Amino acid sequence: MKEKCYFMFKPGFTDEETVYEVLKRLVKEGACILEVKAMLLSKKACREHYAHIVDLKDKVTGEPVYPKLEEYMLSGPVIGVSLVGEKGIIDRLRKAMGSTRNPAEGTLRYEFIAKKGVPEADRTTKNGFHCSDSPENAEVEIDRFFGRSEELGIVTLMKEQKSEKINYFA
C-alpha cells in the first residue's frame, strides 16, 4: 500500500546543496519524488498550514510561537515536495528529519540546523524542514500547496512534476 507525504524546505534552507543532500536522503529512505515546487507563501496559506499552533506558547520562553513563525515563513522562498512511498514512509522520513530542539546525530536537523550553529532557542521556528505527520495531513498539505495554492495567494516560482517513478540519485 502506498502512502503520500508532504515535505517542505523552509526559508534559509533552499540552497542547492541543502536541497540536493536532503532529497538524496529522502529517496534513500524509500520516498519517490512526485512534484517539486518553489514558492512564496502568503499570510493566508501560512495561517492555514499552522492553524494548530496559532495560540501555542513556546515551552521554554513562554512567548507566542506563531507571530515569529509567520514572519520567518514569509521571509523567503520555500520548496514543497510531494512524495510517495510504501506504508510507513511518513514515519521513516520524520525519523530521518529529527526532532525540533535537540535532533539526534545523523538526522537532517542535526546536520543542517544544530551542527551549523542555529541556536536552540531559535529552533522552534528556524528548524529547516516540515514533514507531514500522518497520511491524512499529507493529503491536506499536498492539496494546500499544490492544488489550492492559487486560491491561497501562494506565488509559484518553479514547479516540476514527474509522471513516473524516477530515482534522481541512482
C-alpha atoms as a PDB file:
ATOM      1  CA  MET A   1       0.000   0.000   0.000  1.00  0.00           C
ATOM      2  CA  LYS A   2       1.372   3.414  -0.988  1.00  0.00           C
ATOM      3  CA  GLU A   3       1.461   6.430   1.316  1.00  0.00           C
ATOM      4  CA  LYS A   4       1.923  10.070   0.299  1.00  0.00           C
ATOM      5  CA  CYS A   5       3.923  12.635   2.239  1.00  0.00           C
ATOM      6  CA  TYR A   6       4.467  16.388   2.023  1.00  0.00           C
ATOM      7  CA  PHE A   7       7.939  17.744   2.804  1.00  0.00           C
ATOM      8  CA  MET A   8       8.915  21.421   2.914  1.00  0.00           C
ATOM      9  CA  PHE A   9      12.259  23.197   2.898  1.00  0.00           C
ATOM     10  CA  LYS A  10      11.781  26.375   4.926  1.00  0.00           C
ATOM     11  CA  PRO A  11      13.333  29.800   4.223  1.00  0.00           C
ATOM     12  CA  GLY A  12      17.112  29.802   4.525  1.00  0.00           C
ATOM     13  CA  PHE A  13      17.318  26.100   3.717  1.00  0.00           C
ATOM     14  CA  THR A  14      16.519  26.235  -0.003  1.00  0.00           C
ATOM     15  CA  ASP A  15      20.065  26.484  -1.335  1.00  0.00           C
ATOM     16  CA  GLU A  16      21.045  23.959  -3.995  1.00  0.00           C
ATOM     17  CA  GLU A  17      23.426  21.938  -1.799  1.00  0.00           C
ATOM     18  CA  THR A  18      20.938  21.552   1.072  1.00  0.00           C
ATOM     19  CA  VAL A  19      18.054  20.633  -1.237  1.00  0.00           C
ATOM     20  CA  TYR A  20      20.173  18.105  -3.124  1.00  0.00           C
ATOM     21  CA  GLU A  21      21.546  16.419   0.014  1.00  0.00           C
ATOM     22  CA  VAL A  22      18.153  16.285   1.745  1.00  0.00           C
ATOM     23  CA  LEU A  23      16.294  14.969  -1.317  1.00  0.00           C
ATOM     24  CA  LYS A  24      19.003  12.337  -1.739  1.00  0.00           C
ATOM     25  CA  ARG A  25      18.407  11.264   1.865  1.00  0.00           C
ATOM     26  CA  LEU A  26      14.598  11.169   1.444  1.00  0.00           C
ATOM     27  CA  VAL A  27      14.977   8.942  -1.629  1.00  0.00           C
ATOM     28  CA  LYS A  28      17.424   6.716   0.282  1.00  0.00           C
ATOM     29  CA  GLU A  29      14.722   6.330   2.952  1.00  0.00           C
ATOM     30  CA  GLY A  30      12.371   4.962   0.264  1.00  0.00           C
ATOM     31  CA  ALA A  31      10.498   8.039  -0.943  1.00  0.00           C
ATOM     32  CA  CYS A  32       9.802   8.751  -4.609  1.00  0.00           C
ATOM     33  CA  ILE A  33       9.530  12.378  -5.701  1.00  0.00           C
ATOM     34  CA  LEU A  34       6.245  13.228  -7.431  1.00  0.00           C
ATOM     35  CA  GLU A  35       6.338  17.041  -7.559  1.00  0.00           C
ATOM     36  CA  VAL A  36       8.682  19.820  -6.508  1.00  0.00           C
ATOM     37  CA  LYS A  37       7.600  23.442  -6.234  1.00  0.00           C
ATOM     38  CA  ALA A  38       9.487  26.568  -5.186  1.00  0.00           C
ATOM     39  CA  MET A  39       7.085  29.190  -3.841  1.00  0.00           C
ATOM     40  CA  LEU A  40       6.493  32.282  -1.761  1.00  0.00           C
ATOM     41  CA  LEU A  41       3.854  31.693   0.891  1.00  0.00           C
ATOM     42  CA  SER A  42       1.021  34.100   1.619  1.00  0.00           C
ATOM     43  CA  LYS A  43      -0.182  35.008   5.123  1.00  0.00           C
ATOM     44  CA  LYS A  44      -3.396  33.107   4.371  1.00  0.00           C
ATOM     45  CA  ALA A  45      -1.555  29.913   3.393  1.00  0.00           C
ATOM     46  CA  CYS A  46       0.790  30.191   6.362  1.00  0.00           C
ATOM     47  CA  ARG A  47      -2.061  30.681   8.833  1.00  0.00           C
ATOM     48  CA  GLU A  48      -3.973  27.746   7.384  1.00  0.00           C
ATOM     49  CA  HIS A  49      -0.921  25.470   7.483  1.00  0.00           C
ATOM     50  CA  TYR A  50      -0.082  26.404  11.074  1.00  0.00           C
ATOM     51  CA  ALA A  51      -3.663  26.811  12.359  1.00  0.00           C
ATOM     52  CA  HIS A  52      -2.988  24.158  15.023  1.00  0.00           C
ATOM     53  CA  ILE A  53      -0.327  26.353  16.704  1.00  0.00           C
ATOM     54  CA  VAL A  54      -1.665  29.896  16.260  1.00  0.00           C
ATOM     55  CA  ASP A  55      -2.249  30.143  20.029  1.00  0.00           C
ATOM     56  CA  LEU A  56       0.704  27.986  21.141  1.00  0.00           C
ATOM     57  CA  LYS A  57       3.293  29.322  23.591  1.00  0.00           C
ATOM     58  CA  ASP A  58       6.951  28.298  23.463  1.00  0.00           C
ATOM     59  CA  LYS A  59       7.691  25.653  26.137  1.00  0.00           C
ATOM     60  CA  VAL A  60      10.949  27.329  27.112  1.00  0.00           C
ATOM     61  CA  THR A  61      10.282  31.073  26.770  1.00  0.00           C
ATOM     62  CA  GLY A  62       6.507  31.160  27.232  1.00  0.00           C
ATOM     63  CA  GLU A  63       6.227  33.539  24.254  1.00  0.00           C
ATOM     64  CA  PRO A  64       3.654  33.076  21.481  1.00  0.00           C
ATOM     65  CA  VAL A  65       5.164  30.941  18.725  1.00  0.00           C
ATOM     66  CA  TYR A  66       3.063  31.921  15.720  1.00  0.00           C
ATOM     67  CA  PRO A  67       3.976  35.593  15.112  1.00  0.00           C
ATOM     68  CA  LYS A  68       7.707  34.785  14.810  1.00  0.00           C
ATOM     69  CA  LEU A  69       6.941  31.675  12.786  1.00  0.00           C
ATOM     70  CA  GLU A  70       4.782  33.608  10.321  1.00  0.00           C
ATOM     71  CA  GLU A  71       7.445  36.306   9.944  1.00  0.00           C
ATOM     72  CA  TYR A  72      10.061  33.639   9.288  1.00  0.00           C
ATOM     73  CA  MET A  73       7.932  31.613   6.847  1.00  0.00           C
ATOM     74  CA  LEU A  74       7.162  34.744   4.801  1.00  0.00           C
ATOM     75  CA  SER A  75      10.823  35.890   4.793  1.00  0.00           C
ATOM     76  CA  GLY A  76      11.853  33.961   1.687  1.00  0.00           C
ATOM     77  CA  PRO A  77      11.074  31.108  -0.666  1.00  0.00           C
ATOM     78  CA  VAL A  78      10.153  27.619   0.456  1.00  0.00           C
ATOM     79  CA  ILE A  79      10.325  24.413  -1.547  1.00  0.00           C
ATOM     80  CA  GLY A  80       7.453  21.959  -1.271  1.00  0.00           C
ATOM     81  CA  VAL A  81       7.867  18.327  -2.268  1.00  0.00           C
ATOM     82  CA  SER A  82       5.124  15.776  -2.837  1.00  0.00           C
ATOM     83  CA  LEU A  83       6.461  12.286  -2.128  1.00  0.00           C
ATOM     84  CA  VAL A  84       5.146   8.744  -2.180  1.00  0.00           C
ATOM     85  CA  GLY A  85       6.448   5.549  -0.659  1.00  0.00           C
ATOM     86  CA  GLU A  86       5.394   2.313   0.925  1.00  0.00           C
ATOM     87  CA  LYS A  87       3.172   2.398   4.012  1.00  0.00           C
ATOM     88  CA  GLY A  88       5.196   3.870   6.879  1.00  0.00           C
ATOM     89  CA  ILE A  89       7.188   6.300   4.720  1.00  0.00           C
ATOM     90  CA  ILE A  90       5.977   9.259   6.802  1.00  0.00           C
ATOM     91  CA  ASP A  91       7.357   7.715   9.992  1.00  0.00           C
ATOM     92  CA  ARG A  92      10.682   6.934   8.284  1.00  0.00           C
ATOM     93  CA  LEU A  93      11.019  10.466   6.906  1.00  0.00           C
ATOM     94  CA  ARG A  94      10.102  12.097  10.219  1.00  0.00           C
ATOM     95  CA  LYS A  95      12.678   9.936  12.000  1.00  0.00           C
ATOM     96  CA  ALA A  96      15.284  10.915   9.382  1.00  0.00           C
ATOM     97  CA  MET A  97      14.313  14.584   9.828  1.00  0.00           C
ATOM     98  CA  GLY A  98      14.805  14.546  13.603  1.00  0.00           C
ATOM     99  CA  SER A  99      13.263  16.493  16.459  1.00  0.00           C
ATOM    100  CA  THR A 100      12.932  20.269  16.516  1.00  0.00           C
ATOM    101  CA  ARG A 101      15.028  21.345  19.509  1.00  0.00           C
ATOM    102  CA  ASN A 102      17.524  18.546  20.157  1.00  0.00           C
ATOM    103  CA  PRO A 103      17.893  16.468  16.997  1.00  0.00           C
ATOM    104  CA  ALA A 104      19.861  13.258  17.260  1.00  0.00           C
ATOM    105  CA  GLU A 105      23.195  12.981  15.483  1.00  0.00           C
ATOM    106  CA  GLY A 106      22.763  11.756  11.923  1.00  0.00           C
ATOM    107  CA  THR A 107      19.331  13.330  11.416  1.00  0.00           C
ATOM    108  CA  LEU A 108      18.698  16.062   8.860  1.00  0.00           C
ATOM    109  CA  ARG A 109      18.009  18.649  11.543  1.00  0.00           C
ATOM    110  CA  TYR A 110      21.236  17.738  13.290  1.00  0.00           C
ATOM    111  CA  GLU A 111      23.276  18.023  10.081  1.00  0.00           C
ATOM    112  CA  PHE A 112      21.649  21.178   8.720  1.00  0.00           C
ATOM    113  CA  ILE A 113      20.442  23.003  11.855  1.00  0.00           C
ATOM    114  CA  ALA A 114      22.268  22.063  15.072  1.00  0.00           C
ATOM    115  CA  LYS A 115      25.666  21.347  13.500  1.00  0.00           C
ATOM    116  CA  LYS A 116      25.543  24.642  11.575  1.00  0.00           C
ATOM    117  CA  GLY A 117      25.003  26.630  14.753  1.00  0.00           C
ATOM    118  CA  VAL A 118      21.314  27.588  14.783  1.00  0.00           C
ATOM    119  CA  PRO A 119      20.772  28.405  18.485  1.00  0.00           C
ATOM    120  CA  GLU A 120      18.440  26.032  20.321  1.00  0.00           C
ATOM    121  CA  ALA A 121      16.166  28.943  21.275  1.00  0.00           C
ATOM    122  CA  ASP A 122      15.561  29.689  17.556  1.00  0.00           C
ATOM    123  CA  ARG A 123      14.837  26.106  16.539  1.00  0.00           C
ATOM    124  CA  THR A 124      11.111  26.314  17.266  1.00  0.00           C
ATOM    125  CA  THR A 125      10.777  28.443  14.137  1.00  0.00           C
ATOM    126  CA  LYS A 126      14.054  28.047  12.212  1.00  0.00           C
ATOM    127  CA  ASN A 127      14.037  24.268  12.126  1.00  0.00           C
ATOM    128  CA  GLY A 128      14.707  23.919   8.407  1.00  0.00           C
ATOM    129  CA  PHE A 129      12.089  21.430   7.356  1.00  0.00           C
ATOM    130  CA  HIS A 130       8.491  20.301   7.682  1.00  0.00           C
ATOM    131  CA  CYS A 131       7.248  16.756   7.125  1.00  0.00           C
ATOM    132  CA  SER A 132       3.652  15.531   7.260  1.00  0.00           C
ATOM    133  CA  ASP A 133       2.754  13.756  10.485  1.00  0.00           C
ATOM    134  CA  SER A 134       0.041  11.465   9.074  1.00  0.00           C
ATOM    135  CA  PRO A 135      -1.300  10.225   5.732  1.00  0.00           C
ATOM    136  CA  GLU A 136      -4.437  12.321   6.276  1.00  0.00           C
ATOM    137  CA  ASN A 137      -2.467  15.515   6.875  1.00  0.00           C
ATOM    138  CA  ALA A 138      -0.218  14.702   3.907  1.00  0.00           C
ATOM    139  CA  GLU A 139      -3.262  14.723   1.604  1.00  0.00           C
ATOM    140  CA  VAL A 140      -4.429  18.064   3.050  1.00  0.00           C
ATOM    141  CA  GLU A 141      -0.943  19.610   2.781  1.00  0.00           C
ATOM    142  CA  ILE A 142      -0.338  18.372  -0.770  1.00  0.00           C
ATOM    143  CA  ASP A 143      -3.699  19.817  -1.792  1.00  0.00           C
ATOM    144  CA  ARG A 144      -2.937  23.103   0.009  1.00  0.00           C
ATOM    145  CA  PHE A 145       0.443  23.678  -1.613  1.00  0.00           C
ATOM    146  CA  PHE A 146      -0.055  22.010  -4.995  1.00  0.00           C
ATOM    147  CA  GLY A 147      -3.816  22.008  -5.606  1.00  0.00           C
ATOM    148  CA  ARG A 148      -5.185  25.155  -3.956  1.00  0.00           C
ATOM    149  CA  SER A 149      -2.081  27.340  -3.949  1.00  0.00           C
ATOM    150  CA  GLU A 150      -3.506  29.998  -6.268  1.00  0.00           C
ATOM    151  CA  GLU A 151      -6.655  30.290  -4.144  1.00  0.00           C
ATOM    152  CA  LEU A 152      -4.437  30.821  -1.080  1.00  0.00           C
ATOM    153  CA  GLY A 153      -2.323  33.512  -2.739  1.00  0.00           C
ATOM    154  CA  ILE A 154       0.842  31.421  -2.989  1.00  0.00           C
ATOM    155  CA  VAL A 155       3.276  32.642  -5.650  1.00  0.00           C
ATOM    156  CA  THR A 156       4.782  29.764  -7.646  1.00  0.00           C
ATOM    157  CA  LEU A 157       8.421  30.363  -8.586  1.00  0.00           C
ATOM    158  CA  MET A 158       9.137  26.959 -10.169  1.00  0.00           C
ATOM    159  CA  LYS A 159       7.281  23.654 -10.482  1.00  0.00           C
ATOM    160  CA  GLU A 160       8.349  20.242 -11.742  1.00  0.00           C
ATOM    161  CA  GLN A 161       6.097  17.218 -11.946  1.00  0.00           C
ATOM    162  CA  LYS A 162       7.047  13.647 -12.726  1.00  0.00           C
ATOM    163  CA  SER A 163       4.546  11.178 -14.152  1.00  0.00           C
ATOM    164  CA  GLU A 164       6.548   8.090 -13.257  1.00  0.00           C
ATOM    165  CA  LYS A 165       8.870   6.864 -10.537  1.00  0.00           C
ATOM    166  CA  ILE A 166      12.241   8.474 -11.081  1.00  0.00           C
ATOM    167  CA  ASN A 167      15.303   7.980  -8.925  1.00  0.00           C
ATOM    168  CA  TYR A 168      17.246  11.218  -9.333  1.00  0.00           C
ATOM    169  CA  PHE A 169      20.130   9.895  -7.248  1.00  0.00           C
ATOM    170  CA  ALA A 170      20.851   6.466  -8.771  1.00  0.00           C
END
